[in-house]
C-alpha atoms as a PDB file:
ATOM      1  CA  UNK A   1     -19.023 -10.915   4.700  1.00  0.00           C
ATOM      2  CA  UNK A   2     -17.449 -10.585   7.198  1.00  0.00           C
ATOM      3  CA  UNK A   3     -13.864  -9.994   8.241  1.00  0.00           C
ATOM      4  CA  UNK A   4     -14.314 -10.906  11.910  1.00  0.00           C
ATOM      5  CA  UNK A   5     -13.300 -14.449  10.972  1.00  0.00           C
ATOM      6  CA  UNK A   6      -9.714 -13.188  10.974  1.00  0.00           C
ATOM      7  CA  UNK A   7      -9.727 -12.250  14.624  1.00  0.00           C
ATOM      8  CA  UNK A   8      -9.051 -15.682  16.098  1.00  0.00           C
ATOM      9  CA  UNK A   9      -5.646 -17.149  16.996  1.00  0.00           C
ATOM     10  CA  UNK A  10      -3.133 -17.116  14.153  1.00  0.00           C
ATOM     11  CA  UNK A  11      -1.261 -20.236  13.188  1.00  0.00           C
ATOM     12  CA  UNK A  12       2.475 -19.623  12.837  1.00  0.00           C
ATOM     13  CA  UNK A  13       3.248 -22.564  10.573  1.00  0.00           C
ATOM     14  CA  UNK A  14       6.343 -23.243  12.684  1.00  0.00           C
ATOM     15  CA  UNK A  15       6.573 -26.901  11.640  1.00  0.00           C
ATOM     16  CA  UNK A  16       6.488 -26.151   7.916  1.00  0.00           C
ATOM     17  CA  UNK A  17       9.819 -26.541   6.062  1.00  0.00           C
ATOM     18  CA  UNK A  18      11.481 -23.120   5.594  1.00  0.00           C
ATOM     19  CA  UNK A  19      12.233 -23.737   1.913  1.00  0.00           C
ATOM     20  CA  UNK A  20       8.557 -24.479   1.221  1.00  0.00           C
ATOM     21  CA  UNK A  21       7.461 -21.423   3.180  1.00  0.00           C
ATOM     22  CA  UNK A  22       9.801 -19.239   1.132  1.00  0.00           C
ATOM     23  CA  UNK A  23       8.588 -20.722  -2.167  1.00  0.00           C
ATOM     24  CA  UNK A  24       4.986 -20.270  -1.079  1.00  0.00           C
ATOM     25  CA  UNK A  25       5.530 -16.614  -0.183  1.00  0.00           C
ATOM     26  CA  UNK A  26       7.170 -16.019  -3.564  1.00  0.00           C
ATOM     27  CA  UNK A  27       4.022 -17.316  -5.236  1.00  0.00           C
ATOM     28  CA  UNK A  28       1.883 -15.048  -3.063  1.00  0.00           C
ATOM     29  CA  UNK A  29       4.074 -12.034  -3.846  1.00  0.00           C
ATOM     30  CA  UNK A  30       3.812 -12.844  -7.567  1.00  0.00           C
ATOM     31  CA  UNK A  31      -0.014 -12.743  -7.267  1.00  0.00           C
ATOM     32  CA  UNK A  32      -0.383 -16.435  -8.147  1.00  0.00           C
ATOM     33  CA  UNK A  33      -3.570 -18.170  -7.045  1.00  0.00           C
ATOM     34  CA  UNK A  34      -3.203 -21.014  -4.566  1.00  0.00           C
ATOM     35  CA  UNK A  35      -5.353 -23.999  -5.492  1.00  0.00           C
ATOM     36  CA  UNK A  36      -6.591 -26.884  -3.281  1.00  0.00           C
ATOM     37  CA  UNK A  37      -3.942 -29.388  -4.413  1.00  0.00           C
ATOM     38  CA  UNK A  38      -1.078 -26.931  -3.981  1.00  0.00           C
ATOM     39  CA  UNK A  39       1.201 -27.057  -0.954  1.00  0.00           C
ATOM     40  CA  UNK A  40       0.320 -24.400   1.595  1.00  0.00           C
ATOM     41  CA  UNK A  41       1.445 -23.596   5.160  1.00  0.00           C
ATOM     42  CA  UNK A  42      -0.678 -25.162   7.891  1.00  0.00           C
ATOM     43  CA  UNK A  43      -1.402 -21.692   9.257  1.00  0.00           C
ATOM     44  CA  UNK A  44      -2.626 -20.493   5.856  1.00  0.00           C
ATOM     45  CA  UNK A  45      -4.977 -23.465   5.571  1.00  0.00           C
ATOM     46  CA  UNK A  46      -6.334 -23.073   9.101  1.00  0.00           C
ATOM     47  CA  UNK A  47      -6.803 -19.324   8.744  1.00  0.00           C
ATOM     48  CA  UNK A  48      -8.782 -19.864   5.548  1.00  0.00           C
ATOM     49  CA  UNK A  49     -10.926 -22.610   7.074  1.00  0.00           C
ATOM     50  CA  UNK A  50     -11.740 -20.357  10.007  1.00  0.00           C
ATOM     51  CA  UNK A  51     -12.502 -17.319   7.857  1.00  0.00           C
ATOM     52  CA  UNK A  52     -14.447 -19.019   5.058  1.00  0.00           C
ATOM     53  CA  UNK A  53     -16.521 -21.181   7.413  1.00  0.00           C
ATOM     54  CA  UNK A  54     -17.379 -18.192   9.606  1.00  0.00           C
ATOM     55  CA  UNK A  55     -18.253 -16.243   6.474  1.00  0.00           C
ATOM     56  CA  UNK A  56     -20.580 -19.084   5.442  1.00  0.00           C
ATOM     57  CA  UNK A  57     -22.148 -19.188   8.915  1.00  0.00           C
ATOM     58  CA  UNK A  58     -22.754 -15.434   8.694  1.00  0.00           C
ATOM     59  CA  UNK A  59     -24.606 -15.789   5.398  1.00  0.00           C
ATOM     60  CA  UNK A  60     -26.846 -18.513   6.808  1.00  0.00           C
ATOM     61  CA  UNK A  61     -27.536 -16.864  10.171  1.00  0.00           C
ATOM     62  CA  UNK A  62     -28.014 -13.569   8.324  1.00  0.00           C
ATOM     63  CA  UNK A  63     -31.248 -14.919   6.854  1.00  0.00           C
ATOM     64  CA  UNK A  64     -32.895 -14.916  10.284  1.00  0.00           C
ATOM     65  CA  UNK A  65     -33.303 -11.148  10.884  1.00  0.00           C
ATOM     66  CA  UNK A  66     -34.780 -10.808   7.387  1.00  0.00           C
ATOM     67  CA  UNK A  67     -36.973 -13.892   7.619  1.00  0.00           C
ATOM     68  CA  UNK A  68     -38.646 -12.196  10.555  1.00  0.00           C
ATOM     69  CA  UNK A  69     -40.218  -9.699   8.105  1.00  0.00           C
ATOM     70  CA  UNK A  70     -41.289 -11.842   5.127  1.00  0.00           C
ATOM     71  CA  UNK A  71     -44.904 -12.149   6.281  1.00  0.00           C
ATOM     72  CA  UNK A  72     -45.028  -8.537   7.477  1.00  0.00           C
ATOM     73  CA  UNK A  73     -43.519  -6.729   4.483  1.00  0.00           C
ATOM     74  CA  UNK A  74     -45.850  -3.889   3.443  1.00  0.00           C
ATOM     75  CA  UNK A  75     -46.613  -5.092  -0.118  1.00  0.00           C
ATOM     76  CA  UNK A  76     -46.498  -8.284  -2.170  1.00  0.00           C
ATOM     77  CA  UNK A  77     -43.620  -6.811  -4.184  1.00  0.00           C
ATOM     78  CA  UNK A  78     -41.636  -6.223  -0.996  1.00  0.00           C
ATOM     79  CA  UNK A  79     -42.321  -9.784   0.135  1.00  0.00           C
ATOM     80  CA  UNK A  80     -41.039 -11.188  -3.160  1.00  0.00           C
ATOM     81  CA  UNK A  81     -37.903  -9.009  -3.059  1.00  0.00           C
ATOM     82  CA  UNK A  82     -37.158 -10.050   0.510  1.00  0.00           C
ATOM     83  CA  UNK A  83     -37.684 -13.734  -0.291  1.00  0.00           C
ATOM     84  CA  UNK A  84     -35.318 -13.432  -3.259  1.00  0.00           C
ATOM     85  CA  UNK A  85     -32.691 -11.814  -1.051  1.00  0.00           C
ATOM     86  CA  UNK A  86     -32.971 -14.550   1.573  1.00  0.00           C
ATOM     87  CA  UNK A  87     -32.594 -17.144  -1.163  1.00  0.00           C
ATOM     88  CA  UNK A  88     -29.434 -15.382  -2.353  1.00  0.00           C
ATOM     89  CA  UNK A  89     -27.973 -15.498   1.175  1.00  0.00           C
ATOM     90  CA  UNK A  90     -28.601 -19.246   1.352  1.00  0.00           C
ATOM     91  CA  UNK A  91     -26.767 -19.620  -1.948  1.00  0.00           C
ATOM     92  CA  UNK A  92     -23.846 -17.601  -0.621  1.00  0.00           C
ATOM     93  CA  UNK A  93     -23.587 -19.973   2.317  1.00  0.00           C
ATOM     94  CA  UNK A  94     -23.544 -22.919  -0.103  1.00  0.00           C
ATOM     95  CA  UNK A  95     -20.737 -21.415  -2.228  1.00  0.00           C
ATOM     96  CA  UNK A  96     -18.665 -20.684   0.852  1.00  0.00           C
ATOM     97  CA  UNK A  97     -19.140 -24.047   2.569  1.00  0.00           C
ATOM     98  CA  UNK A  98     -18.105 -25.647  -0.724  1.00  0.00           C
ATOM     99  CA  UNK A  99     -14.995 -23.452  -0.919  1.00  0.00           C
ATOM    100  CA  UNK A 100     -14.043 -24.351   2.662  1.00  0.00           C
ATOM    101  CA  UNK A 101     -14.478 -28.075   1.907  1.00  0.00           C
ATOM    102  CA  UNK A 102     -11.670 -27.826  -0.670  1.00  0.00           C
ATOM    103  CA  UNK A 103      -9.343 -27.212   2.298  1.00  0.00           C
ATOM    104  CA  UNK A 104     -10.115 -30.601   3.834  1.00  0.00           C
ATOM    105  CA  UNK A 105     -12.808 -29.742   6.386  1.00  0.00           C
ATOM    106  CA  UNK A 106     -16.231 -31.399   6.143  1.00  0.00           C
ATOM    107  CA  UNK A 107     -19.451 -29.450   6.002  1.00  0.00           C
ATOM    108  CA  UNK A 108     -20.779 -31.522   8.889  1.00  0.00           C
ATOM    109  CA  UNK A 109     -17.863 -30.426  11.068  1.00  0.00           C
ATOM    110  CA  UNK A 110     -18.346 -26.775  10.181  1.00  0.00           C
ATOM    111  CA  UNK A 111     -22.052 -26.906  10.982  1.00  0.00           C
ATOM    112  CA  UNK A 112     -21.420 -28.788  14.219  1.00  0.00           C
ATOM    113  CA  UNK A 113     -18.964 -26.066  15.238  1.00  0.00           C
ATOM    114  CA  UNK A 114     -21.605 -23.417  14.561  1.00  0.00           C
ATOM    115  CA  UNK A 115     -24.384 -25.197  16.440  1.00  0.00           C
ATOM    116  CA  UNK A 116     -22.136 -25.935  19.422  1.00  0.00           C
ATOM    117  CA  UNK A 117     -21.118 -22.280  19.672  1.00  0.00           C
ATOM    118  CA  UNK A 118     -17.469 -23.068  18.902  1.00  0.00           C
ATOM    119  CA  UNK A 119     -17.520 -21.207  15.572  1.00  0.00           C
ATOM    120  CA  UNK A 120     -18.512 -17.561  15.310  1.00  0.00           C
ATOM    121  CA  UNK A 121     -20.467 -15.533  12.796  1.00  0.00           C
ATOM    122  CA  UNK A 122     -20.691 -11.799  12.192  1.00  0.00           C
ATOM    123  CA  UNK A 123     -21.697  -9.843  15.297  1.00  0.00           C
ATOM    124  CA  UNK A 124     -24.207  -7.737  13.315  1.00  0.00           C
ATOM    125  CA  UNK A 125     -26.722 -10.585  13.120  1.00  0.00           C
ATOM    126  CA  UNK A 126     -27.142 -10.635  16.881  1.00  0.00           C
ATOM    127  CA  UNK A 127     -29.132  -7.396  16.765  1.00  0.00           C
ATOM    128  CA  UNK A 128     -32.944  -7.427  16.390  1.00  0.00           C
ATOM    129  CA  UNK A 129     -34.905  -6.043  13.441  1.00  0.00           C
ATOM    130  CA  UNK A 130     -37.692  -4.099  15.134  1.00  0.00           C
ATOM    131  CA  UNK A 131     -39.497  -2.346  12.270  1.00  0.00           C
ATOM    132  CA  UNK A 132     -39.744  -2.444   8.481  1.00  0.00           C
ATOM    133  CA  UNK A 133     -37.159   0.325   8.096  1.00  0.00           C
ATOM    134  CA  UNK A 134     -34.644  -2.091   9.601  1.00  0.00           C
ATOM    135  CA  UNK A 135     -34.835  -4.070   6.344  1.00  0.00           C
ATOM    136  CA  UNK A 136     -33.626  -0.932   4.620  1.00  0.00           C
ATOM    137  CA  UNK A 137     -30.879  -0.347   7.172  1.00  0.00           C
ATOM    138  CA  UNK A 138     -29.728  -3.960   6.921  1.00  0.00           C
ATOM    139  CA  UNK A 139     -29.498  -3.732   3.136  1.00  0.00           C
ATOM    140  CA  UNK A 140     -27.936  -0.274   3.051  1.00  0.00           C
ATOM    141  CA  UNK A 141     -25.536  -0.497   6.003  1.00  0.00           C
ATOM    142  CA  UNK A 142     -24.945  -4.194   6.675  1.00  0.00           C
ATOM    143  CA  UNK A 143     -24.706  -5.301   3.057  1.00  0.00           C
ATOM    144  CA  UNK A 144     -22.833  -2.091   2.282  1.00  0.00           C
ATOM    145  CA  UNK A 145     -20.233  -2.919   4.926  1.00  0.00           C
ATOM    146  CA  UNK A 146     -20.133  -6.499   3.660  1.00  0.00           C
ATOM    147  CA  UNK A 147     -19.399  -5.309   0.122  1.00  0.00           C
ATOM    148  CA  UNK A 148     -16.590  -3.093   1.402  1.00  0.00           C
ATOM    149  CA  UNK A 149     -15.100  -6.164   3.100  1.00  0.00           C
ATOM    150  CA  UNK A 150     -15.785  -8.634   0.320  1.00  0.00           C
ATOM    151  CA  UNK A 151     -14.804  -6.901  -2.909  1.00  0.00           C
ATOM    152  CA  UNK A 152     -11.089  -7.187  -1.971  1.00  0.00           C
ATOM    153  CA  UNK A 153     -11.700 -10.907  -1.323  1.00  0.00           C
ATOM    154  CA  UNK A 154     -12.281 -11.315  -5.059  1.00  0.00           C
ATOM    155  CA  UNK A 155      -8.478 -10.907  -5.220  1.00  0.00           C
ATOM    156  CA  UNK A 156      -7.815 -13.258  -2.304  1.00  0.00           C
ATOM    157  CA  UNK A 157      -4.795 -15.483  -2.883  1.00  0.00           C
ATOM    158  CA  UNK A 158      -6.855 -18.671  -2.455  1.00  0.00           C
ATOM    159  CA  UNK A 159      -8.502 -19.485  -5.778  1.00  0.00           C
ATOM    160  CA  UNK A 160     -11.776 -21.161  -4.744  1.00  0.00           C
ATOM    161  CA  UNK A 161     -12.553 -18.383  -2.236  1.00  0.00           C
ATOM    162  CA  UNK A 162     -11.768 -15.553  -4.635  1.00  0.00           C
ATOM    163  CA  UNK A 163     -13.893 -17.091  -7.405  1.00  0.00           C
ATOM    164  CA  UNK A 164     -16.846 -17.683  -5.095  1.00  0.00           C
ATOM    165  CA  UNK A 165     -16.697 -14.057  -4.000  1.00  0.00           C
ATOM    166  CA  UNK A 166     -17.202 -12.694  -7.522  1.00  0.00           C
ATOM    167  CA  UNK A 167     -20.819 -13.840  -7.671  1.00  0.00           C
ATOM    168  CA  UNK A 168     -21.422 -13.121  -3.989  1.00  0.00           C
ATOM    169  CA  UNK A 169     -20.321  -9.505  -4.421  1.00  0.00           C
ATOM    170  CA  UNK A 170     -22.533  -8.974  -7.463  1.00  0.00           C
ATOM    171  CA  UNK A 171     -25.575 -10.112  -5.514  1.00  0.00           C
ATOM    172  CA  UNK A 172     -24.627  -8.237  -2.350  1.00  0.00           C
ATOM    173  CA  UNK A 173     -24.329  -5.056  -4.398  1.00  0.00           C
ATOM    174  CA  UNK A 174     -27.910  -5.544  -5.543  1.00  0.00           C
ATOM    175  CA  UNK A 175     -28.998  -6.126  -1.943  1.00  0.00           C
ATOM    176  CA  UNK A 176     -27.337  -2.880  -0.886  1.00  0.00           C
ATOM    177  CA  UNK A 177     -29.234  -0.938  -3.548  1.00  0.00           C
ATOM    178  CA  UNK A 178     -32.494  -2.571  -2.468  1.00  0.00           C
ATOM    179  CA  UNK A 179     -31.880  -1.506   1.123  1.00  0.00           C
ATOM    180  CA  UNK A 180     -31.042   2.051   0.165  1.00  0.00           C
ATOM    181  CA  UNK A 181     -34.216   2.238  -1.934  1.00  0.00           C
ATOM    182  CA  UNK A 182     -36.274   1.224   1.116  1.00  0.00           C
ATOM    183  CA  UNK A 183     -34.565   3.901   3.201  1.00  0.00           C
ATOM    184  CA  UNK A 184     -35.195   6.475   0.459  1.00  0.00           C
ATOM    185  CA  UNK A 185     -38.911   5.634   0.374  1.00  0.00           C
ATOM    186  CA  UNK A 186     -39.140   5.884   4.143  1.00  0.00           C
ATOM    187  CA  UNK A 187     -37.078   9.071   4.420  1.00  0.00           C
ATOM    188  CA  UNK A 188     -39.116  10.836   1.727  1.00  0.00           C
ATOM    189  CA  UNK A 189     -42.436   9.581   3.116  1.00  0.00           C
ATOM    190  CA  UNK A 190     -44.481  10.745   6.058  1.00  0.00           C
ATOM    191  CA  UNK A 191     -42.849  12.212   9.187  1.00  0.00           C
ATOM    192  CA  UNK A 192     -43.587   8.930  10.963  1.00  0.00           C
ATOM    193  CA  UNK A 193     -41.894   6.923   8.201  1.00  0.00           C
ATOM    194  CA  UNK A 194     -38.851   9.198   8.222  1.00  0.00           C
ATOM    195  CA  UNK A 195     -38.596   8.773  11.989  1.00  0.00           C
ATOM    196  CA  UNK A 196     -38.651   4.988  11.534  1.00  0.00           C
ATOM    197  CA  UNK A 197     -35.779   5.298   9.059  1.00  0.00           C
ATOM    198  CA  UNK A 198     -33.818   7.494  11.464  1.00  0.00           C
ATOM    199  CA  UNK A 199     -34.439   5.048  14.303  1.00  0.00           C
ATOM    200  CA  UNK A 200     -33.133   2.166  12.173  1.00  0.00           C
ATOM    201  CA  UNK A 201     -30.019   4.165  11.281  1.00  0.00           C
ATOM    202  CA  UNK A 202     -29.470   5.031  14.952  1.00  0.00           C
ATOM    203  CA  UNK A 203     -29.530   1.375  15.967  1.00  0.00           C
ATOM    204  CA  UNK A 204     -27.528  -0.142  13.088  1.00  0.00           C
ATOM    205  CA  UNK A 205     -24.833   2.487  12.509  1.00  0.00           C
ATOM    206  CA  UNK A 206     -22.399   1.477  15.252  1.00  0.00           C
ATOM    207  CA  UNK A 207     -22.908  -2.310  14.869  1.00  0.00           C
ATOM    208  CA  UNK A 208     -22.232  -1.859  11.132  1.00  0.00           C
ATOM    209  CA  UNK A 209     -18.909  -0.171  11.920  1.00  0.00           C
ATOM    210  CA  UNK A 210     -18.048  -3.066  14.216  1.00  0.00           C
ATOM    211  CA  UNK A 211     -18.424  -5.474  11.284  1.00  0.00           C
ATOM    212  CA  UNK A 212     -14.911  -4.557  10.123  1.00  0.00           C
ATOM    213  CA  UNK A 213     -13.420  -6.061  13.260  1.00  0.00           C
ATOM    214  CA  UNK A 214     -11.269  -4.494  15.994  1.00  0.00           C
ATOM    215  CA  UNK A 215      -9.071  -1.479  15.387  1.00  0.00           C
ATOM    216  CA  UNK A 216      -5.730  -2.149  13.750  1.00  0.00           C
ATOM    217  CA  UNK A 217      -3.834  -1.597  16.999  1.00  0.00           C
ATOM    218  CA  UNK A 218      -5.800  -4.471  18.576  1.00  0.00           C
ATOM    219  CA  UNK A 219      -5.945  -6.761  15.528  1.00  0.00           C
ATOM    220  CA  UNK A 220      -2.632  -8.518  16.029  1.00  0.00           C
ATOM    221  CA  UNK A 221      -3.164 -11.182  13.330  1.00  0.00           C
ATOM    222  CA  UNK A 222      -4.117  -8.969  10.388  1.00  0.00           C
ATOM    223  CA  UNK A 223      -0.484  -8.484   9.354  1.00  0.00           C
ATOM    224  CA  UNK A 224       0.004 -12.180   8.576  1.00  0.00           C
ATOM    225  CA  UNK A 225      -3.287 -12.401   6.689  1.00  0.00           C
ATOM    226  CA  UNK A 226      -2.273  -9.390   4.612  1.00  0.00           C
ATOM    227  CA  UNK A 227       1.170 -10.889   3.985  1.00  0.00           C
ATOM    228  CA  UNK A 228      -0.557 -14.008   2.658  1.00  0.00           C
ATOM    229  CA  UNK A 229      -2.954 -11.740   0.720  1.00  0.00           C
ATOM    230  CA  UNK A 230      -5.979 -13.385   2.231  1.00  0.00           C
ATOM    231  CA  UNK A 231      -7.028  -9.836   3.065  1.00  0.00           C
ATOM    232  CA  UNK A 232      -5.868  -6.760   1.190  1.00  0.00           C
ATOM    233  CA  UNK A 233      -6.745  -3.860   3.480  1.00  0.00           C
ATOM    234  CA  UNK A 234      -6.624  -3.307   7.221  1.00  0.00           C
ATOM    235  CA  UNK A 235      -9.772  -3.168   9.348  1.00  0.00           C
ATOM    236  CA  UNK A 236      -9.482   0.566   9.935  1.00  0.00           C
ATOM    237  CA  UNK A 237      -8.853   1.331   6.258  1.00  0.00           C
ATOM    238  CA  UNK A 238     -11.988  -0.549   5.216  1.00  0.00           C
ATOM    239  CA  UNK A 239     -14.015   1.039   8.001  1.00  0.00           C
ATOM    240  CA  UNK A 240     -12.908   4.505   6.881  1.00  0.00           C
ATOM    241  CA  UNK A 241     -13.799   3.759   3.257  1.00  0.00           C
ATOM    242  CA  UNK A 242     -17.259   2.669   4.388  1.00  0.00           C
ATOM    243  CA  UNK A 243     -17.801   5.824   6.455  1.00  0.00           C
ATOM    244  CA  UNK A 244     -16.611   8.081   3.631  1.00  0.00           C
ATOM    245  CA  UNK A 245     -18.997   6.408   1.184  1.00  0.00           C
ATOM    246  CA  UNK A 246     -22.000   6.226   3.524  1.00  0.00           C
ATOM    247  CA  UNK A 247     -22.104   9.649   5.163  1.00  0.00           C
ATOM    248  CA  UNK A 248     -22.982  11.476   1.891  1.00  0.00           C
ATOM    249  CA  UNK A 249     -25.716   8.905   1.260  1.00  0.00           C
ATOM    250  CA  UNK A 250     -27.212   9.633   4.683  1.00  0.00           C
ATOM    251  CA  UNK A 251     -27.105  13.353   3.926  1.00  0.00           C
ATOM    252  CA  UNK A 252     -29.007  12.771   0.686  1.00  0.00           C
ATOM    253  CA  UNK A 253     -31.657  10.862   2.643  1.00  0.00           C
ATOM    254  CA  UNK A 254     -31.944  13.770   5.051  1.00  0.00           C
ATOM    255  CA  UNK A 255     -30.979  11.506   7.955  1.00  0.00           C
ATOM    256  CA  UNK A 256     -28.481  12.161  10.739  1.00  0.00           C
ATOM    257  CA  UNK A 257     -25.575   9.845  11.503  1.00  0.00           C
ATOM    258  CA  UNK A 258     -25.793   9.107  15.255  1.00  0.00           C
ATOM    259  CA  UNK A 259     -22.268  10.303  15.986  1.00  0.00           C
ATOM    260  CA  UNK A 260     -21.890  13.786  17.514  1.00  0.00           C
ATOM    261  CA  UNK A 261     -18.143  13.673  16.831  1.00  0.00           C
ATOM    262  CA  UNK A 262     -18.561  13.041  13.103  1.00  0.00           C
ATOM    263  CA  UNK A 263     -16.948  15.812  11.060  1.00  0.00           C
ATOM    264  CA  UNK A 264     -15.243  16.234   7.723  1.00  0.00           C
ATOM    265  CA  UNK A 265     -11.473  16.603   7.910  1.00  0.00           C
ATOM    266  CA  UNK A 266     -10.308  19.002   5.207  1.00  0.00           C
ATOM    267  CA  UNK A 267      -6.682  17.962   5.593  1.00  0.00           C
ATOM    268  CA  UNK A 268      -7.194  14.216   5.179  1.00  0.00           C
ATOM    269  CA  UNK A 269     -10.280  14.296   2.968  1.00  0.00           C
ATOM    270  CA  UNK A 270     -11.970  11.774   5.276  1.00  0.00           C
ATOM    271  CA  UNK A 271     -14.787  11.866   7.798  1.00  0.00           C
ATOM    272  CA  UNK A 272     -13.484  11.676  11.361  1.00  0.00           C
ATOM    273  CA  UNK A 273     -15.705   9.680  13.704  1.00  0.00           C
ATOM    274  CA  UNK A 274     -16.203   9.051  17.388  1.00  0.00           C
ATOM    275  CA  UNK A 275     -14.901   6.101  19.393  1.00  0.00           C
ATOM    276  CA  UNK A 276     -16.606   2.743  18.866  1.00  0.00           C
ATOM    277  CA  UNK A 277     -17.860   0.919  21.942  1.00  0.00           C
ATOM    278  CA  UNK A 278     -15.456  -1.996  21.750  1.00  0.00           C
ATOM    279  CA  UNK A 279     -16.729  -3.464  25.011  1.00  0.00           C
ATOM    280  CA  UNK A 280     -20.100  -3.981  23.324  1.00  0.00           C
ATOM    281  CA  UNK A 281     -18.371  -5.541  20.330  1.00  0.00           C
ATOM    282  CA  UNK A 282     -16.490  -8.089  22.421  1.00  0.00           C
ATOM    283  CA  UNK A 283     -19.575  -8.873  24.501  1.00  0.00           C
ATOM    284  CA  UNK A 284     -21.564  -9.674  21.364  1.00  0.00           C
ATOM    285  CA  UNK A 285     -18.718 -11.778  19.945  1.00  0.00           C
ATOM    286  CA  UNK A 286     -18.587 -13.648  23.267  1.00  0.00           C
ATOM    287  CA  UNK A 287     -22.265 -14.585  22.907  1.00  0.00           C
ATOM    288  CA  UNK A 288     -23.848 -11.902  25.062  1.00  0.00           C
ATOM    289  CA  UNK A 289     -25.566  -9.850  22.362  1.00  0.00           C
ATOM    290  CA  UNK A 290     -29.319  -9.130  22.235  1.00  0.00           C
ATOM    291  CA  UNK A 291     -30.112 -12.117  19.971  1.00  0.00           C
ATOM    292  CA  UNK A 292     -27.174 -14.543  20.280  1.00  0.00           C
ATOM    293  CA  UNK A 293     -29.164 -17.276  21.999  1.00  0.00           C
ATOM    294  CA  UNK A 294     -32.193 -16.767  19.779  1.00  0.00           C
ATOM    295  CA  UNK A 295     -30.130 -17.080  16.597  1.00  0.00           C
ATOM    296  CA  UNK A 296     -28.395 -20.300  17.646  1.00  0.00           C
ATOM    297  CA  UNK A 297     -31.625 -21.823  18.913  1.00  0.00           C
ATOM    298  CA  UNK A 298     -33.251 -21.100  15.552  1.00  0.00           C
ATOM    299  CA  UNK A 299     -30.369 -22.744  13.681  1.00  0.00           C
ATOM    300  CA  UNK A 300     -30.384 -25.795  15.960  1.00  0.00           C
ATOM    301  CA  UNK A 301     -34.144 -26.174  15.504  1.00  0.00           C
ATOM    302  CA  UNK A 302     -33.847 -25.930  11.717  1.00  0.00           C
ATOM    303  CA  UNK A 303     -30.986 -28.441  11.727  1.00  0.00           C
ATOM    304  CA  UNK A 304     -32.940 -30.945  13.811  1.00  0.00           C
ATOM    305  CA  UNK A 305     -36.118 -30.571  11.780  1.00  0.00           C
ATOM    306  CA  UNK A 306     -34.156 -31.021   8.543  1.00  0.00           C
ATOM    307  CA  UNK A 307     -32.572 -34.299   9.623  1.00  0.00           C
ATOM    308  CA  UNK A 308     -35.099 -36.378   7.653  1.00  0.00           C
ATOM    309  CA  UNK A 309     -34.190 -34.514   4.451  1.00  0.00           C
ATOM    310  CA  UNK A 310     -30.492 -35.244   4.876  1.00  0.00           C
ATOM    311  CA  UNK A 311     -31.248 -38.880   5.652  1.00  0.00           C
ATOM    312  CA  UNK A 312     -33.474 -39.164   2.566  1.00  0.00           C
ATOM    313  CA  UNK A 313     -30.770 -37.695   0.323  1.00  0.00           C
ATOM    314  CA  UNK A 314     -28.161 -40.108   1.682  1.00  0.00           C
ATOM    315  CA  UNK A 315     -30.532 -43.054   1.221  1.00  0.00           C
ATOM    316  CA  UNK A 316     -31.303 -42.000  -2.352  1.00  0.00           C
ATOM    317  CA  UNK A 317     -27.607 -41.610  -3.187  1.00  0.00           C
ATOM    318  CA  UNK A 318     -26.870 -45.046  -1.748  1.00  0.00           C
ATOM    319  CA  UNK A 319     -29.699 -46.568  -3.784  1.00  0.00           C
ATOM    320  CA  UNK A 320     -28.351 -44.942  -6.962  1.00  0.00           C
ATOM    321  CA  UNK A 321     -24.856 -46.218  -6.206  1.00  0.00           C
ATOM    322  CA  UNK A 322     -26.058 -49.801  -5.789  1.00  0.00           C
ATOM    323  CA  UNK A 323     -28.077 -49.629  -8.997  1.00  0.00           C
ATOM    324  CA  UNK A 324     -25.006 -48.426 -10.888  1.00  0.00           C
ATOM    325  CA  UNK A 325     -22.947 -51.301  -9.466  1.00  0.00           C
ATOM    326  CA  UNK A 326     -25.520 -53.835 -10.669  1.00  0.00           C
ATOM    327  CA  UNK A 327     -25.662 -52.246 -14.110  1.00  0.00           C
END
């Protein structure tokens, strides 16, 4: 979930015929869905490939911080819940890779781009999960931010993407509630447990805010994506909605948002917040985060070790094809 896929270079579609561009924009303005066989500007197609593939990569890489805690979850019930969540994330990646393939890019190419470091994924997954409370923070904050980003994508102008997002958002909403329930248990537990919850909030709050991408003044390509109705709200608008929804939840938990400048603005009805460390954001995006190398190494290892499975599937499909030809 993850709007950072929109931050790369925009394609202008300068070689597309003006009359087709005008007809396409009329369809967008009329809220028509664009389907794979429909004509679309080259920039629209490339923006979608970049965003959907990076969204898929984020779902797959996002399993790694959680997988770290499957064997160390405090109870069997917690283990089963965490395993189910990880399975959901794998399914989300599958839906999204499939949606991107309808735009003419192969899954092999998308995965190669991820493993080579060419393609990006959400910056949040380059932070470590250090204690069990982090599983609560990831569900509450990370999946909560993802939902804020992804619910508008259910109305994305590209049909296959918008339809895939309906199921993804339903499951992400469940993940967010699971995370908040973990934080509630920790916050209402022993002083040591509450401190673990506060520590997790301290470490994940600012990276969660970064998930919405750079501020609007620095996000020079958002305007075109909003014109095409790939995205419906600006980065800062979504970030503010997330803060307004999350601060009261933190208060209910009895936890403190790690922002000394956070205060309620009576005039606007919103929570004002301090400045985000954008230098950290860009460093993580550039591959210099705490776990960037670890995450890619884990994905490369899994890809290499799964080669025999892919080869077996291809061999089986070829055998079935030949048998059908003989029949």
